[in-house]
Protein backbone atom coordinates (compact mmCIF):
# COMPACT_ATOMS: atom_id res chain seq x y z
CA UNK A 1 109.29 112.38 104.15
CA UNK A 2 110.86 112.31 100.68
CA UNK A 3 109.28 113.41 97.41
CA UNK A 4 109.17 111.23 94.30
CA UNK A 5 107.98 112.71 91.02
CA UNK A 6 106.89 110.88 87.89
CA UNK A 7 109.71 112.50 85.86
CA UNK A 8 112.30 110.75 88.02
CA UNK A 9 111.06 107.24 87.12
CA UNK A 10 113.18 105.55 84.43
CA UNK A 11 112.03 101.93 84.83
CA UNK A 12 109.14 100.24 86.64
CA UNK A 13 107.20 97.06 87.25
CA UNK A 14 103.85 96.32 88.87
CA UNK A 15 101.45 93.48 89.56
CA UNK A 16 98.04 93.20 91.19
CA UNK A 17 97.50 90.17 93.44
CA UNK A 18 93.81 89.30 93.44
CA UNK A 19 92.25 88.94 96.91
CA UNK A 20 95.62 89.84 98.47
CA UNK A 21 94.47 92.85 100.52
CA UNK A 22 95.79 93.00 104.07
CA UNK A 23 99.08 91.31 103.12
CA UNK A 24 101.23 94.37 102.36
CA UNK A 25 103.46 93.94 105.39
CA UNK A 26 104.15 90.33 104.41
CA UNK A 27 105.36 91.40 100.95
CA UNK A 28 107.46 94.26 102.40
CA UNK A 29 109.07 91.94 104.92
CA UNK A 30 109.75 89.09 102.48
CA UNK A 31 111.14 91.46 99.84
CA UNK A 32 113.49 93.05 102.35
CA UNK A 33 114.62 89.62 103.59
CA UNK A 34 115.27 88.40 100.03
CA UNK A 35 117.27 91.54 99.22
CA UNK A 36 119.37 91.07 102.37
CA UNK A 37 119.84 87.35 101.60
CA UNK A 38 121.29 88.28 98.18
CA UNK A 39 124.23 89.99 99.95
CA UNK A 40 124.60 92.43 97.08
CA UNK A 41 127.72 94.57 97.69
CA UNK A 42 127.02 98.16 98.74
CA UNK A 43 123.24 97.78 98.49
CA UNK A 44 121.40 99.68 101.24
CA UNK A 45 117.70 99.39 102.07
CA UNK A 46 115.42 101.48 104.25
CA UNK A 47 111.72 102.09 104.76
CA UNK A 48 110.34 105.59 104.28
CA UNK A 49 107.13 107.51 103.64
CA UNK A 50 107.09 109.09 100.17
CA UNK A 51 104.90 111.80 98.71
CA UNK A 52 104.37 112.71 95.02
CA UNK A 53 104.90 116.43 95.75
CA UNK A 54 105.41 119.05 98.43
CA UNK A 55 101.78 120.20 98.55
CA UNK A 56 100.49 116.60 98.51
CA UNK A 57 102.83 115.74 101.37
CA UNK A 58 101.61 118.68 103.44
CA UNK A 59 98.04 117.47 103.05
CA UNK A 60 98.93 113.92 104.05
CA UNK A 61 99.20 112.13 100.71
CA UNK A 62 102.00 109.64 101.28
CA UNK A 63 102.75 105.93 101.07
CA UNK A 64 105.29 103.58 102.58
CA UNK A 65 108.14 102.47 100.34
CA UNK A 66 111.10 100.20 100.72
CA UNK A 67 114.01 102.10 99.15
CA UNK A 68 117.13 100.38 97.81
CA UNK A 69 120.23 102.36 96.86
CA UNK A 70 123.96 102.11 96.24
CA UNK A 71 126.05 104.83 97.93
CA UNK A 72 128.67 104.91 95.14
CA UNK A 73 129.13 108.34 93.51
CA UNK A 74 127.78 107.40 90.07
CA UNK A 75 125.06 105.04 91.33
CA UNK A 76 123.83 107.13 94.26
CA UNK A 77 121.28 109.05 92.11
CA UNK A 78 119.65 105.73 91.14
CA UNK A 79 117.22 104.30 93.68
CA UNK A 80 114.62 101.54 93.59
CA UNK A 81 111.34 102.41 95.35
CA UNK A 82 109.21 99.36 96.21
CA UNK A 83 105.59 99.90 97.23
CA UNK A 84 102.88 97.51 98.39
CA UNK A 85 99.36 98.69 99.14
CA UNK A 86 95.81 97.46 99.40
CA UNK A 87 93.72 98.29 96.36
CA UNK A 88 90.18 97.25 97.15
CA UNK A 89 90.24 93.48 97.72
CA UNK A 90 93.55 93.26 95.89
CA UNK A 91 97.18 93.99 96.67
CA UNK A 92 99.07 96.36 94.37
CA UNK A 93 102.81 95.62 94.27
CA UNK A 94 105.16 97.86 92.30
CA UNK A 95 108.68 99.18 92.08
CA UNK A 96 110.17 102.22 90.40
CA UNK A 97 113.80 102.75 89.40
CA UNK A 98 114.47 106.46 89.68
CA UNK A 99 117.21 108.90 88.78
CA UNK A 100 117.33 111.71 91.33
CA UNK A 101 120.39 113.98 91.39
CA UNK A 102 121.14 115.77 94.67
CA UNK A 103 120.27 119.46 94.32
CA UNK A 104 123.92 120.59 94.37
CA UNK A 105 124.88 118.22 91.53
CA UNK A 106 121.88 119.33 89.50
CA UNK A 107 122.85 122.97 90.10
CA UNK A 108 126.34 122.37 88.71
CA UNK A 109 124.81 121.59 85.31
CA UNK A 110 123.69 125.22 84.96
CA UNK A 111 127.09 126.79 85.59
CA UNK A 112 128.84 127.74 82.32
CA UNK A 113 131.96 125.69 81.72
CA UNK A 114 131.21 123.33 84.57
CA UNK A 115 127.82 122.11 83.31
CA UNK A 116 129.13 119.99 80.44
CA UNK A 117 131.90 118.48 82.58
CA UNK A 118 129.40 117.76 85.34
CA UNK A 119 127.01 116.03 82.92
CA UNK A 120 129.81 113.84 81.53
CA UNK A 121 130.78 112.80 85.07
CA UNK A 122 127.18 111.59 85.53
CA UNK A 123 127.41 109.25 82.51
CA UNK A 124 127.56 105.59 83.47
CA UNK A 125 130.43 103.56 82.09
CA UNK A 126 129.93 99.89 81.24
CA UNK A 127 130.83 98.67 84.75
CA UNK A 128 128.50 101.18 86.45
CA UNK A 129 125.65 100.16 84.15
CA UNK A 130 126.39 96.52 84.91
CA UNK A 131 126.31 97.25 88.67
CA UNK A 132 123.06 99.23 88.34
CA UNK A 133 121.43 96.43 86.35
CA UNK A 134 122.58 93.84 88.91
CA UNK A 135 121.27 95.77 91.91
CA UNK A 136 117.94 96.64 90.25
CA UNK A 137 117.59 92.98 89.24
CA UNK A 138 118.19 91.84 92.84
CA UNK A 139 115.34 94.16 93.91
CA UNK A 140 113.12 92.92 91.08
CA UNK A 141 113.74 89.23 91.75
CA UNK A 142 113.29 89.73 95.50
CA UNK A 143 109.93 91.43 94.91
CA UNK A 144 108.90 88.69 92.47
CA UNK A 145 109.78 85.96 94.98
CA UNK A 146 107.69 87.69 97.65
CA UNK A 147 104.76 87.99 95.22
CA UNK A 148 105.10 84.34 94.18
CA UNK A 149 105.21 83.28 97.84
CA UNK A 150 101.94 85.07 98.64
CA UNK A 151 100.23 83.89 95.46
CA UNK A 152 101.10 80.28 96.29
CA UNK A 153 99.61 80.73 99.77
CA UNK A 154 96.45 82.07 98.08
CA UNK A 155 96.44 79.10 95.62
CA UNK A 156 96.92 81.38 92.62
CA UNK A 157 98.76 80.70 89.37
CA UNK A 158 102.17 82.44 89.41
CA UNK A 159 102.48 81.94 85.64
CA UNK A 160 100.19 84.99 85.26
CA UNK A 161 102.93 87.32 86.54
CA UNK A 162 104.40 89.61 83.87
CA UNK A 163 108.07 89.45 84.84
CA UNK A 164 109.55 92.12 82.56
CA UNK A 165 110.00 95.70 83.71
CA UNK A 166 109.09 98.61 81.48
CA UNK A 167 111.75 101.23 80.85
CA UNK A 168 115.47 101.93 80.85
CA UNK A 169 116.76 98.46 81.83
CA UNK A 170 113.92 96.11 80.80
CA UNK A 171 114.68 93.68 83.63
CA UNK A 172 113.15 90.20 83.60
């Protein structure tokens, strides 16, 4: 079980599908299929239980997420966490782009002389930013397509979907 804190979230998107409860697995499955169909280079996806903290996790507070990541050195700290869950009679669909440095890379920032150099290595150049935007957009569009698919099955108006993310990249 991994831990995801609010401070790690740098971009996000969410939508509530009315009367969509019980359809979480359908959205997870379709989203994963759409991501795979995109054949994005280096993009990895896995399913994992996530907790908002250590104590919460110990007491059983966790949710299933589909996690997308790029194993490249500069992009590895960026991950997209996609969650789908019943919320009353509705279905809550959301994703979170996070920045999570491995503990050893975070530790380097506190070592005099190495900290500044380490921080500059973490900076994204134009190509890395372009790659990050592309892979986060693939995740976003795949999630949107899954949401649209379910809404059409439920005879709902897909024009009501707010398609723009809120944060660092502002994906639409």
